[in-house]
PDB file of N, CA and C in Angstrom:
ATOM      1  N   MET A   1      83.445 127.748  68.232  1.00  0.00           N
ATOM      2  CA  MET A   1      83.376 126.268  67.654  1.00  0.00           C
ATOM      3  C   MET A   1      84.272 125.698  66.721  1.00  0.00           C
ATOM      4  N   THR A   2      85.716 125.134  67.078  1.00  0.00           N
ATOM      5  CA  THR A   2      86.847 125.001  66.513  1.00  0.00           C
ATOM      6  C   THR A   2      86.776 124.051  65.501  1.00  0.00           C
ATOM      7  N   ASN A   3      86.345 122.879  65.905  1.00  0.00           N
ATOM      8  CA  ASN A   3      86.101 122.161  65.435  1.00  0.00           C
ATOM      9  C   ASN A   3      85.108 121.706  64.646  1.00  0.00           C
ATOM     10  N   ALA A   4      84.401 122.374  63.474  1.00  0.00           N
ATOM     11  CA  ALA A   4      83.002 122.071  62.994  1.00  0.00           C
ATOM     12  C   ALA A   4      83.294 121.694  61.844  1.00  0.00           C
ATOM     13  N   THR A   5      82.015 120.732  61.691  1.00  0.00           N
ATOM     14  CA  THR A   5      82.186 119.935  60.640  1.00  0.00           C
ATOM     15  C   THR A   5      80.714 120.001  59.757  1.00  0.00           C
ATOM     16  N   LYS A   6      80.519 119.587  58.565  1.00  0.00           N
ATOM     17  CA  LYS A   6      79.141 119.723  58.534  1.00  0.00           C
ATOM     18  C   LYS A   6      78.536 119.217  58.631  1.00  0.00           C
ATOM     19  N   TRP A   7      77.160 119.412  58.736  1.00  0.00           N
ATOM     20  CA  TRP A   7      76.192 118.031  58.415  1.00  0.00           C
ATOM     21  C   TRP A   7      74.892 118.664  58.099  1.00  0.00           C
ATOM     22  N   THR A   8      73.728 117.698  57.829  1.00  0.00           N
ATOM     23  CA  THR A   8      72.239 118.333  57.016  1.00  0.00           C
ATOM     24  C   THR A   8      71.592 118.079  58.443  1.00  0.00           C
ATOM     25  N   VAL A   9      70.485 118.839  58.320  1.00  0.00           N
ATOM     26  CA  VAL A   9      69.543 118.379  59.311  1.00  0.00           C
ATOM     27  C   VAL A   9      68.250 118.548  58.014  1.00  0.00           C
ATOM     28  N   ARG A  10      67.265 117.361  59.096  1.00  0.00           N
ATOM     29  CA  ARG A  10      66.448 117.240  57.905  1.00  0.00           C
ATOM     30  C   ARG A  10      64.721 117.520  58.979  1.00  0.00           C
ATOM     31  N   ASN A  11      63.943 117.563  57.574  1.00  0.00           N
ATOM     32  CA  ASN A  11      62.670 117.760  58.678  1.00  0.00           C
ATOM     33  C   ASN A  11      62.646 118.857  59.240  1.00  0.00           C
ATOM     34  N   ILE A  12      62.987 120.255  58.995  1.00  0.00           N
ATOM     35  CA  ILE A  12      62.405 121.238  59.701  1.00  0.00           C
ATOM     36  C   ILE A  12      61.349 121.922  58.987  1.00  0.00           C
ATOM     37  N   ASP A  13      60.638 122.172  60.228  1.00  0.00           N
ATOM     38  CA  ASP A  13      59.320 122.859  60.039  1.00  0.00           C
ATOM     39  C   ASP A  13      59.640 123.859  59.174  1.00  0.00           C
ATOM     40  N   PRO A  14      58.766 124.311  57.920  1.00  0.00           N
ATOM     41  CA  PRO A  14      58.869 125.269  57.070  1.00  0.00           C
ATOM     42  C   PRO A  14      58.991 126.802  57.360  1.00  0.00           C
ATOM     43  N   THR A  15      58.289 127.013  58.530  1.00  0.00           N
ATOM     44  CA  THR A  15      57.879 128.346  59.062  1.00  0.00           C
ATOM     45  C   THR A  15      59.399 128.166  60.249  1.00  0.00           C
ATOM     46  N   ALA A  16      59.699 127.090  60.846  1.00  0.00           N
ATOM     47  CA  ALA A  16      61.044 127.515  61.240  1.00  0.00           C
ATOM     48  C   ALA A  16      61.906 128.006  60.578  1.00  0.00           C
ATOM     49  N   LEU A  17      62.080 127.316  59.399  1.00  0.00           N
ATOM     50  CA  LEU A  17      63.288 127.703  58.565  1.00  0.00           C
ATOM     51  C   LEU A  17      63.099 129.107  58.036  1.00  0.00           C
ATOM     52  N   GLU A  18      61.789 129.269  57.335  1.00  0.00           N
ATOM     53  CA  GLU A  18      61.556 130.922  56.799  1.00  0.00           C
ATOM     54  C   GLU A  18      62.017 131.928  58.459  1.00  0.00           C
ATOM     55  N   MET A  19      61.717 131.287  59.385  1.00  0.00           N
ATOM     56  CA  MET A  19      61.889 132.120  60.242  1.00  0.00           C
ATOM     57  C   MET A  19      63.584 132.499  60.447  1.00  0.00           C
ATOM     58  N   LEU A  20      64.240 131.322  60.723  1.00  0.00           N
ATOM     59  CA  LEU A  20      65.684 131.242  60.863  1.00  0.00           C
ATOM     60  C   LEU A  20      66.650 131.908  59.079  1.00  0.00           C
ATOM     61  N   GLN A  21      65.771 132.030  58.014  1.00  0.00           N
ATOM     62  CA  GLN A  21      66.749 132.348  57.245  1.00  0.00           C
ATOM     63  C   GLN A  21      66.242 134.688  57.280  1.00  0.00           C
ATOM     64  N   GLU A  22      64.944 134.303  57.610  1.00  0.00           N
ATOM     65  CA  GLU A  22      64.991 135.825  57.906  1.00  0.00           C
ATOM     66  C   GLU A  22      65.657 136.576  59.466  1.00  0.00           C
ATOM     67  N   VAL A  23      66.095 135.879  59.704  1.00  0.00           N
ATOM     68  CA  VAL A  23      67.041 135.974  61.169  1.00  0.00           C
ATOM     69  C   VAL A  23      68.263 136.181  60.190  1.00  0.00           C
ATOM     70  N   ARG A  24      68.585 135.270  59.294  1.00  0.00           N
ATOM     71  CA  ARG A  24      70.306 135.514  59.157  1.00  0.00           C
ATOM     72  C   ARG A  24      70.336 136.591  57.904  1.00  0.00           C
ATOM     73  N   THR A  25      68.887 136.964  57.559  1.00  0.00           N
ATOM     74  CA  THR A  25      69.254 138.357  56.211  1.00  0.00           C
ATOM     75  C   THR A  25      69.171 139.361  57.076  1.00  0.00           C
ATOM     76  N   VAL A  26      68.450 139.534  58.392  1.00  0.00           N
ATOM     77  CA  VAL A  26      68.306 141.312  59.251  1.00  0.00           C
ATOM     78  C   VAL A  26      70.069 140.852  59.623  1.00  0.00           C
ATOM     79  N   THR A  27      70.866 139.543  60.651  1.00  0.00           N
ATOM     80  CA  THR A  27      72.206 140.033  61.052  1.00  0.00           C
ATOM     81  C   THR A  27      72.724 139.586  60.117  1.00  0.00           C
ATOM     82  N   GLY A  28      73.027 138.929  59.013  1.00  0.00           N
ATOM     83  CA  GLY A  28      73.993 138.867  58.284  1.00  0.00           C
ATOM     84  C   GLY A  28      74.915 137.651  59.025  1.00  0.00           C
ATOM     85  N   GLN A  29      74.460 136.912  59.714  1.00  0.00           N
ATOM     86  CA  GLN A  29      75.189 135.597  60.110  1.00  0.00           C
ATOM     87  C   GLN A  29      74.876 134.416  59.243  1.00  0.00           C
ATOM     88  N   PRO A  30      75.734 133.789  59.484  1.00  0.00           N
ATOM     89  CA  PRO A  30      75.729 132.321  58.914  1.00  0.00           C
ATOM     90  C   PRO A  30      74.346 131.555  59.565  1.00  0.00           C
ATOM     91  N   MET A  31      73.988 130.628  58.459  1.00  0.00           N
ATOM     92  CA  MET A  31      72.950 129.774  59.713  1.00  0.00           C
ATOM     93  C   MET A  31      73.466 129.002  60.602  1.00  0.00           C
ATOM     94  N   GLY A  32      74.536 128.436  60.436  1.00  0.00           N
ATOM     95  CA  GLY A  32      75.071 127.550  61.265  1.00  0.00           C
ATOM     96  C   GLY A  32      75.231 127.879  62.867  1.00  0.00           C
ATOM     97  N   ALA A  33      76.121 129.730  62.367  1.00  0.00           N
ATOM     98  CA  ALA A  33      76.218 129.978  63.839  1.00  0.00           C
ATOM     99  C   ALA A  33      74.779 130.730  65.045  1.00  0.00           C
ATOM    100  N   LEU A  34      73.917 131.024  63.828  1.00  0.00           N
ATOM    101  CA  LEU A  34      71.989 131.489  64.248  1.00  0.00           C
ATOM    102  C   LEU A  34      71.719 129.826  65.347  1.00  0.00           C
ATOM    103  N   ILE A  35      71.840 128.825  64.773  1.00  0.00           N
ATOM    104  CA  ILE A  35      71.555 127.671  64.897  1.00  0.00           C
ATOM    105  C   ILE A  35      72.174 127.050  66.204  1.00  0.00           C
ATOM    106  N   SER A  36      73.976 127.524  66.029  1.00  0.00           N
ATOM    107  CA  SER A  36      74.767 127.360  67.584  1.00  0.00           C
ATOM    108  C   SER A  36      73.763 128.170  68.753  1.00  0.00           C
ATOM    109  N   GLU A  37      73.897 129.354  68.219  1.00  0.00           N
ATOM    110  CA  GLU A  37      73.176 130.114  69.049  1.00  0.00           C
ATOM    111  C   GLU A  37      72.292 129.935  70.097  1.00  0.00           C
ATOM    112  N   ALA A  38      70.829 129.316  69.547  1.00  0.00           N
ATOM    113  CA  ALA A  38      70.029 128.989  69.370  1.00  0.00           C
ATOM    114  C   ALA A  38      69.706 127.951  70.482  1.00  0.00           C
ATOM    115  N   VAL A  39      70.796 127.073  70.077  1.00  0.00           N
ATOM    116  CA  VAL A  39      70.648 125.542  70.956  1.00  0.00           C
ATOM    117  C   VAL A  39      71.316 125.727  72.147  1.00  0.00           C
ATOM    118  N   THR A  40      72.453 126.641  72.117  1.00  0.00           N
ATOM    119  CA  THR A  40      73.003 127.091  73.482  1.00  0.00           C
ATOM    120  C   THR A  40      72.309 128.071  74.408  1.00  0.00           C
ATOM    121  N   GLU A  41      71.303 128.748  73.882  1.00  0.00           N
ATOM    122  CA  GLU A  41      70.399 129.501  74.663  1.00  0.00           C
ATOM    123  C   GLU A  41      69.792 128.513  74.949  1.00  0.00           C
ATOM    124  N   TRP A  42      68.903 127.537  74.543  1.00  0.00           N
ATOM    125  CA  TRP A  42      68.085 126.753  74.653  1.00  0.00           C
ATOM    126  C   TRP A  42      68.295 125.684  76.128  1.00  0.00           C
ATOM    127  N   TYR A  43      69.711 125.200  75.337  1.00  0.00           N
ATOM    128  CA  TYR A  43      70.661 124.629  76.823  1.00  0.00           C
ATOM    129  C   TYR A  43      70.479 125.201  77.788  1.00  0.00           C
ATOM    130  N   SER A  44      70.974 126.515  77.822  1.00  0.00           N
ATOM    131  CA  SER A  44      71.161 127.013  78.963  1.00  0.00           C
ATOM    132  C   SER A  44      70.354 127.558  79.972  1.00  0.00           C
ATOM    133  N   ARG A  45      68.812 127.239  79.047  1.00  0.00           N
ATOM    134  CA  ARG A  45      67.557 127.767  80.127  1.00  0.00           C
ATOM    135  C   ARG A  45      66.900 125.774  80.716  1.00  0.00           C
ATOM    136  N   LEU A  46      67.670 124.493  80.524  1.00  0.00           N
ATOM    137  CA  LEU A  46      67.175 123.844  80.841  1.00  0.00           C
ATOM    138  C   LEU A  46      67.335 123.425  82.396  1.00  0.00           C
ATOM    139  N   PRO A  47      66.836 123.034  82.816  1.00  0.00           N
ATOM    140  CA  PRO A  47      66.430 122.744  84.579  1.00  0.00           C
ATOM    141  C   PRO A  47      67.925 121.648  84.538  1.00  0.00           C
ATOM    142  N   GLU A  48      68.531 121.814  85.590  1.00  0.00           N
ATOM    143  CA  GLU A  48      69.018 120.958  86.215  1.00  0.00           C
ATOM    144  C   GLU A  48      68.569 119.819  86.664  1.00  0.00           C
ATOM    145  N   ILE A  49      69.174 118.356  85.943  1.00  0.00           N
ATOM    146  CA  ILE A  49      68.658 117.396  86.435  1.00  0.00           C
ATOM    147  C   ILE A  49      69.722 115.963  87.020  1.00  0.00           C
ATOM    148  N   THR A  50      69.288 115.725  87.762  1.00  0.00           N
ATOM    149  CA  THR A  50      69.868 114.602  88.795  1.00  0.00           C
ATOM    150  C   THR A  50      69.904 113.366  88.282  1.00  0.00           C
ATOM    151  N   ASP A  51      70.206 112.397  88.864  1.00  0.00           N
ATOM    152  CA  ASP A  51      70.179 110.775  88.736  1.00  0.00           C
ATOM    153  C   ASP A  51      69.221 110.285  89.128  1.00  0.00           C
ATOM    154  N   GLU A  52      68.369 111.109  90.586  1.00  0.00           N
ATOM    155  CA  GLU A  52      67.297 111.094  91.053  1.00  0.00           C
ATOM    156  C   GLU A  52      66.152 111.663  90.127  1.00  0.00           C
ATOM    157  N   ASP A  53      66.337 111.926  89.341  1.00  0.00           N
ATOM    158  CA  ASP A  53      64.819 113.088  88.804  1.00  0.00           C
ATOM    159  C   ASP A  53      64.535 111.865  87.304  1.00  0.00           C
ATOM    160  N   ASP A  54      65.196 110.733  87.409  1.00  0.00           N
ATOM    161  CA  ASP A  54      64.766 109.481  86.649  1.00  0.00           C
ATOM    162  C   ASP A  54      64.045 109.141  86.039  1.00  0.00           C
ATOM    163  N   ASP A  55      62.864 109.734  86.529  1.00  0.00           N
ATOM    164  CA  ASP A  55      61.002 109.220  86.501  1.00  0.00           C
ATOM    165  C   ASP A  55      60.293 110.000  85.869  1.00  0.00           C
ATOM    166  N   GLY A  56      60.525 110.237  84.405  1.00  0.00           N
ATOM    167  CA  GLY A  56      60.097 110.828  83.695  1.00  0.00           C
ATOM    168  C   GLY A  56      60.112 112.123  83.289  1.00  0.00           C
ATOM    169  N   ALA A  57      61.203 112.830  84.230  1.00  0.00           N
ATOM    170  CA  ALA A  57      61.880 114.545  84.249  1.00  0.00           C
ATOM    171  C   ALA A  57      62.688 114.291  82.573  1.00  0.00           C
ATOM    172  N   ASP A  58      62.877 113.926  82.186  1.00  0.00           N
ATOM    173  CA  ASP A  58      63.757 113.823  81.047  1.00  0.00           C
ATOM    174  C   ASP A  58      62.614 114.566  79.815  1.00  0.00           C
ATOM    175  N   GLN A  59      61.651 114.066  79.665  1.00  0.00           N
ATOM    176  CA  GLN A  59      60.554 114.271  78.863  1.00  0.00           C
ATOM    177  C   GLN A  59      60.377 115.673  79.066  1.00  0.00           C
ATOM    178  N   ASP A  60      60.158 115.838  80.592  1.00  0.00           N
ATOM    179  CA  ASP A  60      59.256 117.014  80.974  1.00  0.00           C
ATOM    180  C   ASP A  60      60.220 118.653  80.582  1.00  0.00           C
ATOM    181  N   ARG A  61      61.795 117.897  80.449  1.00  0.00           N
ATOM    182  CA  ARG A  61      62.851 118.456  80.394  1.00  0.00           C
ATOM    183  C   ARG A  61      63.209 119.187  78.978  1.00  0.00           C
ATOM    184  N   ILE A  62      62.742 117.978  78.307  1.00  0.00           N
ATOM    185  CA  ILE A  62      62.851 118.222  76.800  1.00  0.00           C
ATOM    186  C   ILE A  62      61.710 119.083  76.617  1.00  0.00           C
ATOM    187  N   THR A  63      60.327 118.526  76.837  1.00  0.00           N
ATOM    188  CA  THR A  63      59.591 119.222  76.421  1.00  0.00           C
ATOM    189  C   THR A  63      59.650 121.427  77.192  1.00  0.00           C
ATOM    190  N   THR A  64      60.189 121.485  77.741  1.00  0.00           N
ATOM    191  CA  THR A  64      60.508 122.631  78.255  1.00  0.00           C
ATOM    192  C   THR A  64      61.631 123.068  77.949  1.00  0.00           C
ATOM    193  N   GLY A  65      62.516 122.574  77.169  1.00  0.00           N
ATOM    194  CA  GLY A  65      63.538 123.370  76.228  1.00  0.00           C
ATOM    195  C   GLY A  65      62.445 123.614  75.175  1.00  0.00           C
ATOM    196  N   LEU A  66      62.237 122.775  74.334  1.00  0.00           N
ATOM    197  CA  LEU A  66      61.730 122.801  73.385  1.00  0.00           C
ATOM    198  C   LEU A  66      60.578 124.520  73.240  1.00  0.00           C
ATOM    199  N   ASP A  67      60.087 124.029  74.684  1.00  0.00           N
ATOM    200  CA  ASP A  67      58.905 125.507  74.824  1.00  0.00           C
ATOM    201  C   ASP A  67      59.661 127.206  74.460  1.00  0.00           C
ATOM    202  N   SER A  68      61.047 126.574  75.273  1.00  0.00           N
ATOM    203  CA  SER A  68      61.957 128.028  75.543  1.00  0.00           C
ATOM    204  C   SER A  68      62.525 128.273  74.174  1.00  0.00           C
ATOM    205  N   LEU A  69      62.428 127.184  73.122  1.00  0.00           N
ATOM    206  CA  LEU A  69      63.272 127.795  71.881  1.00  0.00           C
ATOM    207  C   LEU A  69      62.330 128.135  71.072  1.00  0.00           C
ATOM    208  N   LYS A  70      61.094 127.556  71.084  1.00  0.00           N
ATOM    209  CA  LYS A  70      60.158 128.505  69.880  1.00  0.00           C
ATOM    210  C   LYS A  70      59.591 129.652  70.826  1.00  0.00           C
ATOM    211  N   GLN A  71      60.134 130.034  71.844  1.00  0.00           N
ATOM    212  CA  GLN A  71      59.670 131.145  72.569  1.00  0.00           C
ATOM    213  C   GLN A  71      60.892 132.261  71.678  1.00  0.00           C
ATOM    214  N   LEU A  72      61.929 131.784  72.093  1.00  0.00           N
ATOM    215  CA  LEU A  72      63.232 132.210  71.408  1.00  0.00           C
ATOM    216  C   LEU A  72      63.164 132.667  70.135  1.00  0.00           C
ATOM    217  N   LEU A  73      62.861 132.161  69.091  1.00  0.00           N
ATOM    218  CA  LEU A  73      62.794 132.045  67.859  1.00  0.00           C
ATOM    219  C   LEU A  73      61.476 132.987  67.452  1.00  0.00           C
ATOM    220  N   ARG A  74      60.596 133.277  68.606  1.00  0.00           N
ATOM    221  CA  ARG A  74      59.762 134.285  68.188  1.00  0.00           C
ATOM    222  C   ARG A  74      59.861 135.640  68.845  1.00  0.00           C
ATOM    223  N   GLN A  75      60.773 135.345  69.636  1.00  0.00           N
ATOM    224  CA  GLN A  75      61.546 136.918  70.168  1.00  0.00           C
ATOM    225  C   GLN A  75      62.375 137.541  68.709  1.00  0.00           C
ATOM    226  N   TRP A  76      62.884 136.560  67.641  1.00  0.00           N
ATOM    227  CA  TRP A  76      64.019 136.988  67.366  1.00  0.00           C
ATOM    228  C   TRP A  76      63.271 137.289  65.812  1.00  0.00           C
ATOM    229  N   ARG A  77      62.347 136.765  66.187  1.00  0.00           N
ATOM    230  CA  ARG A  77      61.525 136.754  64.340  1.00  0.00           C
ATOM    231  C   ARG A  77      60.498 138.411  64.908  1.00  0.00           C
ATOM    232  N   GLY A  78      60.405 138.288  66.098  1.00  0.00           N
ATOM    233  CA  GLY A  78      59.655 140.223  66.232  1.00  0.00           C
ATOM    234  C   GLY A  78      60.741 141.281  65.914  1.00  0.00           C
ATOM    235  N   GLN A  79      62.399 140.869  66.718  1.00  0.00           N
ATOM    236  CA  GLN A  79      63.489 141.673  66.653  1.00  0.00           C
ATOM    237  C   GLN A  79      63.695 141.898  65.467  1.00  0.00           C
ATOM    238  N   SER A  80      63.509 141.054  64.763  1.00  0.00           N
ATOM    239  CA  SER A  80      63.995 141.489  63.115  1.00  0.00           C
ATOM    240  C   SER A  80      63.223 142.158  62.498  1.00  0.00           C
ATOM    241  N   ARG A  81      62.005 142.440  63.203  1.00  0.00           N
ATOM    242  CA  ARG A  81      61.186 143.368  61.688  1.00  0.00           C
ATOM    243  C   ARG A  81      61.237 144.815  62.564  1.00  0.00           C
ATOM    244  N   GLN A  82      62.075 144.983  63.994  1.00  0.00           N
ATOM    245  CA  GLN A  82      61.969 145.830  64.444  1.00  0.00           C
ATOM    246  C   GLN A  82      63.707 146.739  64.482  1.00  0.00           C
ATOM    247  N   GLN A  83      64.472 145.690  64.593  1.00  0.00           N
ATOM    248  CA  GLN A  83      65.485 146.110  64.575  1.00  0.00           C
ATOM    249  C   GLN A  83      66.628 145.806  63.774  1.00  0.00           C
ATOM    250  N   VAL A  84      67.941 146.529  63.281  1.00  0.00           N
ATOM    251  CA  VAL A  84      68.720 146.114  62.415  1.00  0.00           C
ATOM    252  C   VAL A  84      69.537 146.052  63.213  1.00  0.00           C
ATOM    253  N   PHE A  85      70.532 144.748  63.401  1.00  0.00           N
ATOM    254  CA  PHE A  85      71.423 144.747  64.490  1.00  0.00           C
ATOM    255  C   PHE A  85      72.560 145.064  63.764  1.00  0.00           C
TER     256      PHE A  85
END
């Protein structure tokens, strides 16, 4: 991302923040880079949506994406204890 700006994220679950800090320690990557990577991965797993799917599909898509993100964070946490990047 070439036009990075500083911003603040509030109300992060303390467990998720601990997981992020653990991944940062193991990988040496900045938190912003890790969050960008996680969001990019989460977004890539979202199903395609069309205008015809506007009957609550957005909520299903968000729920599916959040579940994928939780799974990805769990995988990263497991890897951080087993591997050094």
